[in-house]
C-alpha atoms as a PDB file:
ATOM      1  CA  MET A   1      11.179 -17.714 -13.120  1.00  0.00           C
ATOM      2  CA  THR A   2       7.444 -17.757 -11.987  1.00  0.00           C
ATOM      3  CA  ARG A   3       6.538 -14.081 -11.556  1.00  0.00           C
ATOM      4  CA  ILE A   4       4.573 -12.585  -8.681  1.00  0.00           C
ATOM      5  CA  ASP A   5       3.546  -9.314  -7.327  1.00  0.00           C
ATOM      6  CA  LEU A   6       3.171  -8.703  -3.618  1.00  0.00           C
ATOM      7  CA  HIS A   7       2.178  -5.195  -3.619  1.00  0.00           C
ATOM      8  CA  VAL A   8      -1.120  -4.540  -5.493  1.00  0.00           C
ATOM      9  CA  HIS A   9      -3.953  -2.022  -4.843  1.00  0.00           C
ATOM     10  CA  THR A  10      -7.481  -2.026  -5.971  1.00  0.00           C
ATOM     11  CA  THR A  11     -10.902   0.046  -5.760  1.00  0.00           C
ATOM     12  CA  ALA A  12     -11.192  -0.806  -2.128  1.00  0.00           C
ATOM     13  CA  SER A  13      -8.489   1.786  -1.470  1.00  0.00           C
ATOM     14  CA  ASP A  14      -7.001   3.975  -4.141  1.00  0.00           C
ATOM     15  CA  GLY A  15      -6.630   1.623  -7.129  1.00  0.00           C
ATOM     16  CA  THR A  16      -8.820   1.907 -10.267  1.00  0.00           C
ATOM     17  CA  LEU A  17      -9.452  -1.829 -10.897  1.00  0.00           C
ATOM     18  CA  THR A  18     -11.789  -3.848  -8.891  1.00  0.00           C
ATOM     19  CA  PRO A  19     -10.271  -6.799  -6.921  1.00  0.00           C
ATOM     20  CA  ALA A  20     -11.715  -9.367  -9.330  1.00  0.00           C
ATOM     21  CA  ALA A  21     -10.258  -7.228 -12.290  1.00  0.00           C
ATOM     22  CA  VAL A  22      -6.843  -7.029 -10.817  1.00  0.00           C
ATOM     23  CA  THR A  23      -6.729 -10.698 -10.359  1.00  0.00           C
ATOM     24  CA  ALA A  24      -7.827 -11.258 -13.992  1.00  0.00           C
ATOM     25  CA  ARG A  25      -5.063  -8.941 -15.160  1.00  0.00           C
ATOM     26  CA  ALA A  26      -2.667 -10.944 -13.254  1.00  0.00           C
ATOM     27  CA  HIS A  27      -3.817 -14.109 -14.813  1.00  0.00           C
ATOM     28  CA  SER A  28      -3.582 -12.534 -18.265  1.00  0.00           C
ATOM     29  CA  LEU A  29       0.056 -11.432 -17.573  1.00  0.00           C
ATOM     30  CA  GLY A  30       1.104 -14.848 -16.525  1.00  0.00           C
ATOM     31  CA  LEU A  31       1.477 -14.256 -12.753  1.00  0.00           C
ATOM     32  CA  ALA A  32       1.361 -16.934 -10.442  1.00  0.00           C
ATOM     33  CA  ALA A  33       0.552 -15.057  -7.491  1.00  0.00           C
ATOM     34  CA  ILE A  34      -0.264 -11.478  -6.146  1.00  0.00           C
ATOM     35  CA  ALA A  35      -0.859 -10.002  -2.594  1.00  0.00           C
ATOM     36  CA  ILE A  36      -3.889  -7.557  -2.265  1.00  0.00           C
ATOM     37  CA  THR A  37      -2.354  -4.708  -0.017  1.00  0.00           C
ATOM     38  CA  ASP A  38      -4.950  -2.004  -0.029  1.00  0.00           C
ATOM     39  CA  HIS A  39      -4.396   0.962   2.289  1.00  0.00           C
ATOM     40  CA  ASP A  40      -5.882   0.525   5.743  1.00  0.00           C
ATOM     41  CA  THR A  41      -8.548  -2.028   4.525  1.00  0.00           C
ATOM     42  CA  VAL A  42      -9.064  -5.703   3.694  1.00  0.00           C
ATOM     43  CA  GLU A  43     -12.489  -5.234   1.899  1.00  0.00           C
ATOM     44  CA  GLY A  44     -11.086  -6.140  -1.366  1.00  0.00           C
ATOM     45  CA  VAL A  45      -9.450  -9.451  -0.424  1.00  0.00           C
ATOM     46  CA  ALA A  46     -12.364 -11.713  -0.250  1.00  0.00           C
ATOM     47  CA  GLU A  47     -13.359 -10.901  -3.859  1.00  0.00           C
ATOM     48  CA  ALA A  48      -9.900 -11.244  -5.216  1.00  0.00           C
ATOM     49  CA  VAL A  49      -9.420 -14.620  -3.541  1.00  0.00           C
ATOM     50  CA  ARG A  50     -12.689 -16.020  -4.969  1.00  0.00           C
ATOM     51  CA  ALA A  51     -11.530 -14.813  -8.513  1.00  0.00           C
ATOM     52  CA  GLY A  52      -7.972 -16.289  -7.822  1.00  0.00           C
ATOM     53  CA  LYS A  53      -9.423 -19.627  -7.173  1.00  0.00           C
ATOM     54  CA  GLU A  54     -11.407 -19.517 -10.537  1.00  0.00           C
ATOM     55  CA  LEU A  55      -8.446 -18.377 -12.452  1.00  0.00           C
ATOM     56  CA  GLY A  56      -5.608 -20.218 -10.750  1.00  0.00           C
ATOM     57  CA  VAL A  57      -3.930 -17.263  -9.209  1.00  0.00           C
ATOM     58  CA  GLU A  58      -2.865 -17.464  -5.901  1.00  0.00           C
ATOM     59  CA  VAL A  59      -3.975 -14.394  -3.767  1.00  0.00           C
ATOM     60  CA  VAL A  60      -2.244 -13.609  -0.625  1.00  0.00           C
ATOM     61  CA  PRO A  61      -4.510 -11.614   2.070  1.00  0.00           C
ATOM     62  CA  GLY A  62      -2.779  -8.449   2.766  1.00  0.00           C
ATOM     63  CA  ILE A  63      -3.029  -4.939   3.743  1.00  0.00           C
ATOM     64  CA  GLU A  64      -0.858  -1.808   3.925  1.00  0.00           C
ATOM     65  CA  LEU A  65      -0.663   0.258   7.030  1.00  0.00           C
ATOM     66  CA  SER A  66       0.636   4.028   7.147  1.00  0.00           C
ATOM     67  CA  CYS A  67       2.353   4.716  10.486  1.00  0.00           C
ATOM     68  CA  TYR A  68       5.277   6.944  11.940  1.00  0.00           C
ATOM     69  CA  TYR A  69       8.691   6.049  12.732  1.00  0.00           C
ATOM     70  CA  GLN A  70      10.684   8.682  14.545  1.00  0.00           C
ATOM     71  CA  GLY A  71       8.188  11.504  13.469  1.00  0.00           C
ATOM     72  CA  ARG A  72       8.470  10.246   9.546  1.00  0.00           C
ATOM     73  CA  GLU A  73       5.861   8.383   7.786  1.00  0.00           C
ATOM     74  CA  VAL A  74       6.708   4.744   6.810  1.00  0.00           C
ATOM     75  CA  HIS A  75       4.487   2.117   5.209  1.00  0.00           C
ATOM     76  CA  VAL A  76       4.147  -1.468   6.752  1.00  0.00           C
ATOM     77  CA  LEU A  77       2.834  -4.476   4.567  1.00  0.00           C
ATOM     78  CA  GLY A  78       1.076  -7.327   6.086  1.00  0.00           C
ATOM     79  CA  TYR A  79       0.838 -10.692   4.468  1.00  0.00           C
ATOM     80  CA  PHE A  80      -1.229 -13.748   5.341  1.00  0.00           C
ATOM     81  CA  ILE A  81      -3.300 -11.980   7.694  1.00  0.00           C
ATOM     82  CA  ASP A  82      -6.887 -13.249   9.021  1.00  0.00           C
ATOM     83  CA  ILE A  83      -9.333 -10.639   7.520  1.00  0.00           C
ATOM     84  CA  ALA A  84     -11.800 -11.569  10.020  1.00  0.00           C
ATOM     85  CA  SER A  85      -9.432 -10.613  12.905  1.00  0.00           C
ATOM     86  CA  ALA A  86     -11.278  -8.629  15.622  1.00  0.00           C
ATOM     87  CA  SER A  87      -8.000  -6.724  16.740  1.00  0.00           C
ATOM     88  CA  LEU A  88      -7.128  -5.787  13.171  1.00  0.00           C
ATOM     89  CA  ALA A  89     -10.870  -4.730  12.635  1.00  0.00           C
ATOM     90  CA  GLU A  90     -10.339  -2.336  15.691  1.00  0.00           C
ATOM     91  CA  THR A  91      -7.016  -1.142  14.230  1.00  0.00           C
ATOM     92  CA  ILE A  92      -8.730  -0.240  10.827  1.00  0.00           C
ATOM     93  CA  ARG A  93     -11.713   1.328  12.486  1.00  0.00           C
ATOM     94  CA  ALA A  94      -9.476   3.754  14.254  1.00  0.00           C
ATOM     95  CA  VAL A  95      -7.588   4.454  11.140  1.00  0.00           C
ATOM     96  CA  THR A  96     -10.758   4.955   9.162  1.00  0.00           C
ATOM     97  CA  GLU A  97     -12.193   7.453  11.760  1.00  0.00           C
ATOM     98  CA  ASN A  98      -8.832   9.429  11.786  1.00  0.00           C
ATOM     99  CA  ARG A  99      -9.125   9.504   7.975  1.00  0.00           C
ATOM    100  CA  LYS A 100     -12.651  10.634   7.879  1.00  0.00           C
ATOM    101  CA  ALA A 101     -11.786  13.535  10.298  1.00  0.00           C
ATOM    102  CA  ARG A 102      -8.877  14.640   8.001  1.00  0.00           C
ATOM    103  CA  ASN A 103     -11.243  14.220   4.885  1.00  0.00           C
ATOM    104  CA  HIS A 104     -13.811  16.679   6.558  1.00  0.00           C
ATOM    105  CA  ILE A 105     -11.194  19.268   7.259  1.00  0.00           C
ATOM    106  CA  ILE A 106      -9.802  19.077   3.774  1.00  0.00           C
ATOM    107  CA  ALA A 107     -13.320  19.323   2.229  1.00  0.00           C
ATOM    108  CA  GLU A 108     -14.508  22.292   4.565  1.00  0.00           C
ATOM    109  CA  ARG A 109     -11.310  24.279   3.360  1.00  0.00           C
ATOM    110  CA  MET A 110     -11.934  23.613  -0.132  1.00  0.00           C
ATOM    111  CA  ALA A 111     -15.563  24.731   0.343  1.00  0.00           C
ATOM    112  CA  ALA A 112     -14.406  27.837   1.943  1.00  0.00           C
ATOM    113  CA  ASP A 113     -12.404  28.642  -1.133  1.00  0.00           C
ATOM    114  CA  GLY A 114     -15.161  27.871  -3.585  1.00  0.00           C
ATOM    115  CA  LEU A 115     -13.748  24.553  -5.054  1.00  0.00           C
ATOM    116  CA  PRO A 116     -16.538  22.210  -5.963  1.00  0.00           C
ATOM    117  CA  VAL A 117     -15.569  19.250  -3.835  1.00  0.00           C
ATOM    118  CA  SER A 118     -17.670  17.811  -1.055  1.00  0.00           C
ATOM    119  CA  ILE A 119     -17.646  14.570   0.984  1.00  0.00           C
ATOM    120  CA  ASP A 120     -20.980  13.894  -0.444  1.00  0.00           C
ATOM    121  CA  GLU A 121     -19.836  13.926  -3.863  1.00  0.00           C
ATOM    122  CA  LEU A 122     -16.765  11.870  -2.940  1.00  0.00           C
ATOM    123  CA  LYS A 123     -18.958   9.100  -1.320  1.00  0.00           C
ATOM    124  CA  ARG A 124     -21.249   8.993  -4.438  1.00  0.00           C
ATOM    125  CA  ARG A 125     -18.199   8.810  -6.800  1.00  0.00           C
ATOM    126  CA  PHE A 126     -16.327   6.424  -4.788  1.00  0.00           C
ATOM    127  CA  PRO A 127     -18.681   3.985  -2.961  1.00  0.00           C
ATOM    128  CA  HIS A 128     -17.393   1.133  -1.002  1.00  0.00           C
ATOM    129  CA  THR A 129     -13.901   2.762  -0.766  1.00  0.00           C
ATOM    130  CA  VAL A 130     -11.656   4.061   1.786  1.00  0.00           C
ATOM    131  CA  ILE A 131     -11.694   7.691   0.642  1.00  0.00           C
ATOM    132  CA  GLY A 132      -8.486   9.589   0.980  1.00  0.00           C
ATOM    133  CA  ARG A 133      -6.460  12.282  -0.727  1.00  0.00           C
ATOM    134  CA  PRO A 134      -6.131  10.446  -4.106  1.00  0.00           C
ATOM    135  CA  HIS A 135      -9.990  10.616  -4.391  1.00  0.00           C
ATOM    136  CA  PHE A 136     -10.064  14.447  -3.703  1.00  0.00           C
ATOM    137  CA  ALA A 137      -7.321  14.469  -6.437  1.00  0.00           C
ATOM    138  CA  GLU A 138      -9.425  12.699  -9.037  1.00  0.00           C
ATOM    139  CA  VAL A 139     -12.278  14.789  -8.308  1.00  0.00           C
ATOM    140  CA  LEU A 140     -10.258  17.852  -8.859  1.00  0.00           C
ATOM    141  CA  VAL A 141      -9.120  16.505 -12.343  1.00  0.00           C
ATOM    142  CA  GLU A 142     -12.758  15.886 -13.221  1.00  0.00           C
ATOM    143  CA  HIS A 143     -13.570  19.455 -12.543  1.00  0.00           C
ATOM    144  CA  GLY A 144     -10.748  20.707 -14.705  1.00  0.00           C
ATOM    145  CA  LEU A 145      -8.809  22.042 -11.666  1.00  0.00           C
ATOM    146  CA  ALA A 146      -5.705  19.867 -12.473  1.00  0.00           C
ATOM    147  CA  ASP A 147      -4.345  18.007 -15.280  1.00  0.00           C
ATOM    148  CA  SER A 148      -3.775  14.658 -13.621  1.00  0.00           C
ATOM    149  CA  VAL A 149      -3.742  13.236 -10.051  1.00  0.00           C
ATOM    150  CA  SER A 150      -0.109  14.022  -9.602  1.00  0.00           C
ATOM    151  CA  ASP A 151      -0.647  17.584 -10.724  1.00  0.00           C
ATOM    152  CA  ALA A 152      -3.639  17.857  -8.166  1.00  0.00           C
ATOM    153  CA  PHE A 153      -1.209  16.653  -5.332  1.00  0.00           C
ATOM    154  CA  ALA A 154       1.246  19.015  -6.482  1.00  0.00           C
ATOM    155  CA  ARG A 155      -0.998  21.923  -6.484  1.00  0.00           C
ATOM    156  CA  TYR A 156      -3.471  21.297  -3.686  1.00  0.00           C
ATOM    157  CA  LEU A 157      -2.741  18.331  -1.555  1.00  0.00           C
ATOM    158  CA  ASN A 158       1.093  17.720  -1.040  1.00  0.00           C
ATOM    159  CA  ARG A 159       2.627  18.836   2.244  1.00  0.00           C
ATOM    160  CA  GLY A 160       2.997  22.646   2.103  1.00  0.00           C
ATOM    161  CA  ARG A 161       0.020  22.999  -0.300  1.00  0.00           C
ATOM    162  CA  PRO A 162      -3.086  24.725   0.559  1.00  0.00           C
ATOM    163  CA  TYR A 163      -5.041  21.730   1.445  1.00  0.00           C
ATOM    164  CA  PHE A 164      -2.782  19.324   3.097  1.00  0.00           C
ATOM    165  CA  GLU A 165      -3.891  18.212   6.449  1.00  0.00           C
ATOM    166  CA  PRO A 166      -1.689  15.753   8.549  1.00  0.00           C
ATOM    167  CA  GLN A 167      -3.311  12.679   9.489  1.00  0.00           C
ATOM    168  CA  LYS A 168      -3.082  10.899  12.764  1.00  0.00           C
ATOM    169  CA  ARG A 169      -1.206   7.705  12.560  1.00  0.00           C
ATOM    170  CA  MET A 170      -0.063   4.839  14.768  1.00  0.00           C
ATOM    171  CA  ASN A 171       3.597   3.978  15.425  1.00  0.00           C
ATOM    172  CA  MET A 172       5.632   1.672  13.535  1.00  0.00           C
ATOM    173  CA  ASP A 173       5.626  -1.067  16.433  1.00  0.00           C
ATOM    174  CA  GLU A 174       1.788  -0.591  16.662  1.00  0.00           C
ATOM    175  CA  ALA A 175       1.548  -1.372  13.041  1.00  0.00           C
ATOM    176  CA  ALA A 176       3.703  -4.418  13.026  1.00  0.00           C
ATOM    177  CA  ALA A 177       1.869  -5.609  16.257  1.00  0.00           C
ATOM    178  CA  ALA A 178      -1.514  -5.277  14.712  1.00  0.00           C
ATOM    179  CA  ILE A 179      -0.376  -7.424  11.608  1.00  0.00           C
ATOM    180  CA  ASN A 180       1.154 -10.019  13.878  1.00  0.00           C
ATOM    181  CA  ALA A 181      -1.869 -10.174  16.209  1.00  0.00           C
ATOM    182  CA  ALA A 182      -3.982 -10.758  13.026  1.00  0.00           C
ATOM    183  CA  GLY A 183      -1.577 -13.950  12.309  1.00  0.00           C
ATOM    184  CA  GLY A 184       0.222 -12.061   9.819  1.00  0.00           C
ATOM    185  CA  LEU A 185       3.828 -11.245   8.577  1.00  0.00           C
ATOM    186  CA  ALA A 186       4.916  -7.776   8.738  1.00  0.00           C
ATOM    187  CA  VAL A 187       7.238  -6.314   5.798  1.00  0.00           C
ATOM    188  CA  LEU A 188       8.443  -2.843   5.450  1.00  0.00           C
ATOM    189  CA  ALA A 189       7.440  -1.406   2.277  1.00  0.00           C
ATOM    190  CA  HIS A 190       9.732   0.656  -0.303  1.00  0.00           C
ATOM    191  CA  PRO A 191      12.411   1.738   2.007  1.00  0.00           C
ATOM    192  CA  TYR A 192      13.910   4.320  -0.336  1.00  0.00           C
ATOM    193  CA  GLN A 193      10.872   6.338  -0.531  1.00  0.00           C
ATOM    194  CA  TYR A 194      11.447   7.548   2.913  1.00  0.00           C
ATOM    195  CA  ARG A 195      14.746   9.535   1.750  1.00  0.00           C
ATOM    196  CA  TYR A 196      16.922   7.948   4.428  1.00  0.00           C
ATOM    197  CA  SER A 197      20.770   7.529   4.000  1.00  0.00           C
ATOM    198  CA  GLU A 198      21.697   3.973   3.790  1.00  0.00           C
ATOM    199  CA  ALA A 199      23.117   4.105   7.596  1.00  0.00           C
ATOM    200  CA  GLU A 200      19.636   5.538   8.678  1.00  0.00           C
ATOM    201  CA  MET A 201      17.790   2.753   6.675  1.00  0.00           C
ATOM    202  CA  ARG A 202      19.958   0.004   8.677  1.00  0.00           C
ATOM    203  CA  ARG A 203      18.742   1.632  11.877  1.00  0.00           C
ATOM    204  CA  LEU A 204      15.113   1.547  10.695  1.00  0.00           C
ATOM    205  CA  PHE A 205      15.452  -2.193   9.761  1.00  0.00           C
ATOM    206  CA  ALA A 206      17.005  -3.152  12.869  1.00  0.00           C
ATOM    207  CA  ASP A 207      14.244  -1.279  14.798  1.00  0.00           C
ATOM    208  CA  PHE A 208      11.527  -2.788  12.638  1.00  0.00           C
ATOM    209  CA  LYS A 209      12.679  -6.436  13.267  1.00  0.00           C
ATOM    210  CA  SER A 210      12.839  -5.745  17.063  1.00  0.00           C
ATOM    211  CA  CYS A 211       9.222  -4.735  17.016  1.00  0.00           C
ATOM    212  CA  GLY A 212       8.179  -7.793  15.248  1.00  0.00           C
ATOM    213  CA  GLY A 213       8.995  -7.072  11.589  1.00  0.00           C
ATOM    214  CA  THR A 214       9.679 -10.105   9.370  1.00  0.00           C
ATOM    215  CA  GLY A 215      10.775  -8.858   6.171  1.00  0.00           C
ATOM    216  CA  ILE A 216      11.890  -5.917   3.600  1.00  0.00           C
ATOM    217  CA  GLU A 217      10.423  -5.028   0.330  1.00  0.00           C
ATOM    218  CA  CYS A 218      13.853  -5.217  -1.601  1.00  0.00           C
ATOM    219  CA  PHE A 219      12.249  -5.364  -5.212  1.00  0.00           C
ATOM    220  CA  TYR A 220       9.989  -2.256  -6.088  1.00  0.00           C
ATOM    221  CA  SER A 221       9.094  -0.251  -9.020  1.00  0.00           C
ATOM    222  CA  GLY A 222      12.033   1.895 -10.057  1.00  0.00           C
ATOM    223  CA  TYR A 223      14.540   0.271  -8.026  1.00  0.00           C
ATOM    224  CA  ASP A 224      17.778  -0.470  -9.806  1.00  0.00           C
ATOM    225  CA  ALA A 225      19.893  -3.354  -9.132  1.00  0.00           C
ATOM    226  CA  GLU A 226      22.160  -1.452  -6.760  1.00  0.00           C
ATOM    227  CA  LYS A 227      19.182  -0.520  -4.722  1.00  0.00           C
ATOM    228  CA  SER A 228      17.763  -3.908  -4.608  1.00  0.00           C
ATOM    229  CA  ALA A 229      21.368  -5.436  -3.737  1.00  0.00           C
ATOM    230  CA  PHE A 230      21.711  -3.213  -0.813  1.00  0.00           C
ATOM    231  CA  LEU A 231      18.264  -3.832   0.631  1.00  0.00           C
ATOM    232  CA  THR A 232      18.826  -7.730   0.201  1.00  0.00           C
ATOM    233  CA  SER A 233      22.216  -7.587   1.661  1.00  0.00           C
ATOM    234  CA  ALA A 234      20.493  -5.584   4.750  1.00  0.00           C
ATOM    235  CA  ALA A 235      17.890  -7.996   4.967  1.00  0.00           C
ATOM    236  CA  ALA A 236      20.343 -10.907   5.064  1.00  0.00           C
ATOM    237  CA  GLU A 237      22.451  -9.659   7.651  1.00  0.00           C
ATOM    238  CA  LEU A 238      19.271  -9.201   9.951  1.00  0.00           C
ATOM    239  CA  GLY A 239      17.767 -12.617   8.926  1.00  0.00           C
ATOM    240  CA  MET A 240      14.858 -11.063   7.328  1.00  0.00           C
ATOM    241  CA  CYS A 241      12.699 -12.155   4.552  1.00  0.00           C
ATOM    242  CA  VAL A 242      13.081 -10.459   1.078  1.00  0.00           C
ATOM    243  CA  THR A 243      10.004  -9.514  -0.819  1.00  0.00           C
ATOM    244  CA  GLY A 244       8.907  -7.353  -3.705  1.00  0.00           C
ATOM    245  CA  GLY A 245       6.012  -5.773  -5.594  1.00  0.00           C
ATOM    246  CA  SER A 246       5.058  -3.107  -8.079  1.00  0.00           C
ATOM    247  CA  ASP A 247       2.787  -0.744  -6.021  1.00  0.00           C
ATOM    248  CA  PHE A 248       0.234  -1.298  -8.809  1.00  0.00           C
ATOM    249  CA  HIS A 249      -2.812   1.187  -8.708  1.00  0.00           C
ATOM    250  CA  GLY A 250      -4.063   1.094 -12.184  1.00  0.00           C
ATOM    251  CA  SER A 251      -4.769   4.093 -14.386  1.00  0.00           C
ATOM    252  CA  VAL A 252      -3.906   6.582 -11.724  1.00  0.00           C
ATOM    253  CA  LYS A 253      -0.259   5.507 -12.040  1.00  0.00           C
ATOM    254  CA  PRO A 254      -0.117   4.547 -15.675  1.00  0.00           C
ATOM    255  CA  ASP A 255       3.605   4.171 -15.639  1.00  0.00           C
ATOM    256  CA  ILE A 256       3.329   1.153 -13.203  1.00  0.00           C
ATOM    257  CA  GLU A 257       2.214  -2.217 -14.660  1.00  0.00           C
ATOM    258  CA  LEU A 258       1.078  -5.163 -12.689  1.00  0.00           C
ATOM    259  CA  GLY A 259       4.029  -7.590 -12.204  1.00  0.00           C
ATOM    260  CA  SER A 260       6.723  -5.680 -14.001  1.00  0.00           C
ATOM    261  CA  GLY A 261       6.439  -2.279 -12.475  1.00  0.00           C
ATOM    262  CA  LYS A 262       8.033   0.276 -14.520  1.00  0.00           C
ATOM    263  CA  GLY A 263       9.409  -2.434 -16.884  1.00  0.00           C
ATOM    264  CA  GLY A 264      12.256  -3.835 -14.885  1.00  0.00           C
ATOM    265  CA  LEU A 265      10.527  -5.650 -12.013  1.00  0.00           C
ATOM    266  CA  ASN A 266      10.757  -9.483 -11.801  1.00  0.00           C
ATOM    267  CA  VAL A 267       9.882 -10.944  -8.448  1.00  0.00           C
ATOM    268  CA  ASP A 268      10.368 -14.771  -8.214  1.00  0.00           C
ATOM    269  CA  ARG A 269       7.722 -16.982  -6.623  1.00  0.00           C
ATOM    270  CA  GLU A 270      10.513 -18.396  -4.353  1.00  0.00           C
ATOM    271  CA  LEU A 271      10.415 -15.164  -2.302  1.00  0.00           C
ATOM    272  CA  LEU A 272       6.855 -15.976  -1.452  1.00  0.00           C
ATOM    273  CA  ASN A 273       7.721 -19.585  -0.466  1.00  0.00           C
ATOM    274  CA  LYS A 274      10.484 -18.237   1.666  1.00  0.00           C
ATOM    275  CA  LEU A 275       8.026 -15.899   3.333  1.00  0.00           C
ATOM    276  CA  LYS A 276       5.535 -18.511   4.013  1.00  0.00           C
ATOM    277  CA  GLU A 277       8.178 -20.491   5.997  1.00  0.00           C
ATOM    278  CA  ARG A 278       7.750 -17.826   8.494  1.00  0.00           C
ATOM    279  CA  ILE A 279       4.104 -18.318   9.280  1.00  0.00           C
ATOM    280  CA  LYS A 280       3.893 -19.699  12.713  1.00  0.00           C
END
């Protein structure tokens, strides 16, 4: 088996390693390929591709788009996208503007309650990054207001907590269409994270395929053999591709390692080869 990881985040979104550093880590761990799938941005892709060429690691240009399916948030991964696509740039611009609006609301609420977090501080602390709730969480930890990023979310930022603010998002069909328009392949990320029953997941998968989806992320950090077997079977029934990745973020998710996830992840390069066969 030649191992790969098709779900990787960098400092361009909410990871803690730069694109070049992530690629170097992949090389040191013996990975043959990785996909850079930062949230709602492609800013880290070019740097990772350059580093990959120097190190002999294949870097797949990717993205992860958040969207809604029947009122519930789901994530769609895009692979082999044209990062210079004008239509994708417009999609990202709209998402970024919505995120900025939410960030200002969260910051204003925190300021009103005397919490030492501001948009200016976030910009200084995280330059050249798509700022979101994880960055608020990191600043709260730095100010001693939480023990960890997960603790900051639990106390302040999760749904139902004082500073949660929903974000405007596109629908799943729009996310898949944006990826396809950029020449990419749309893959549904980590299906078990949405807390659907298996019957509900099957409906989700069928709807995803009908709106342009190509594959399902069947191998993921923390998924046991039974979960992966169900997802792989469901993908096969629909003629969809199977992919897998760790959802690596670096030190903010210290229990997830690049390539191996939480210790049991092994994604074979053959899955990437099969995905490439779907490129038009």
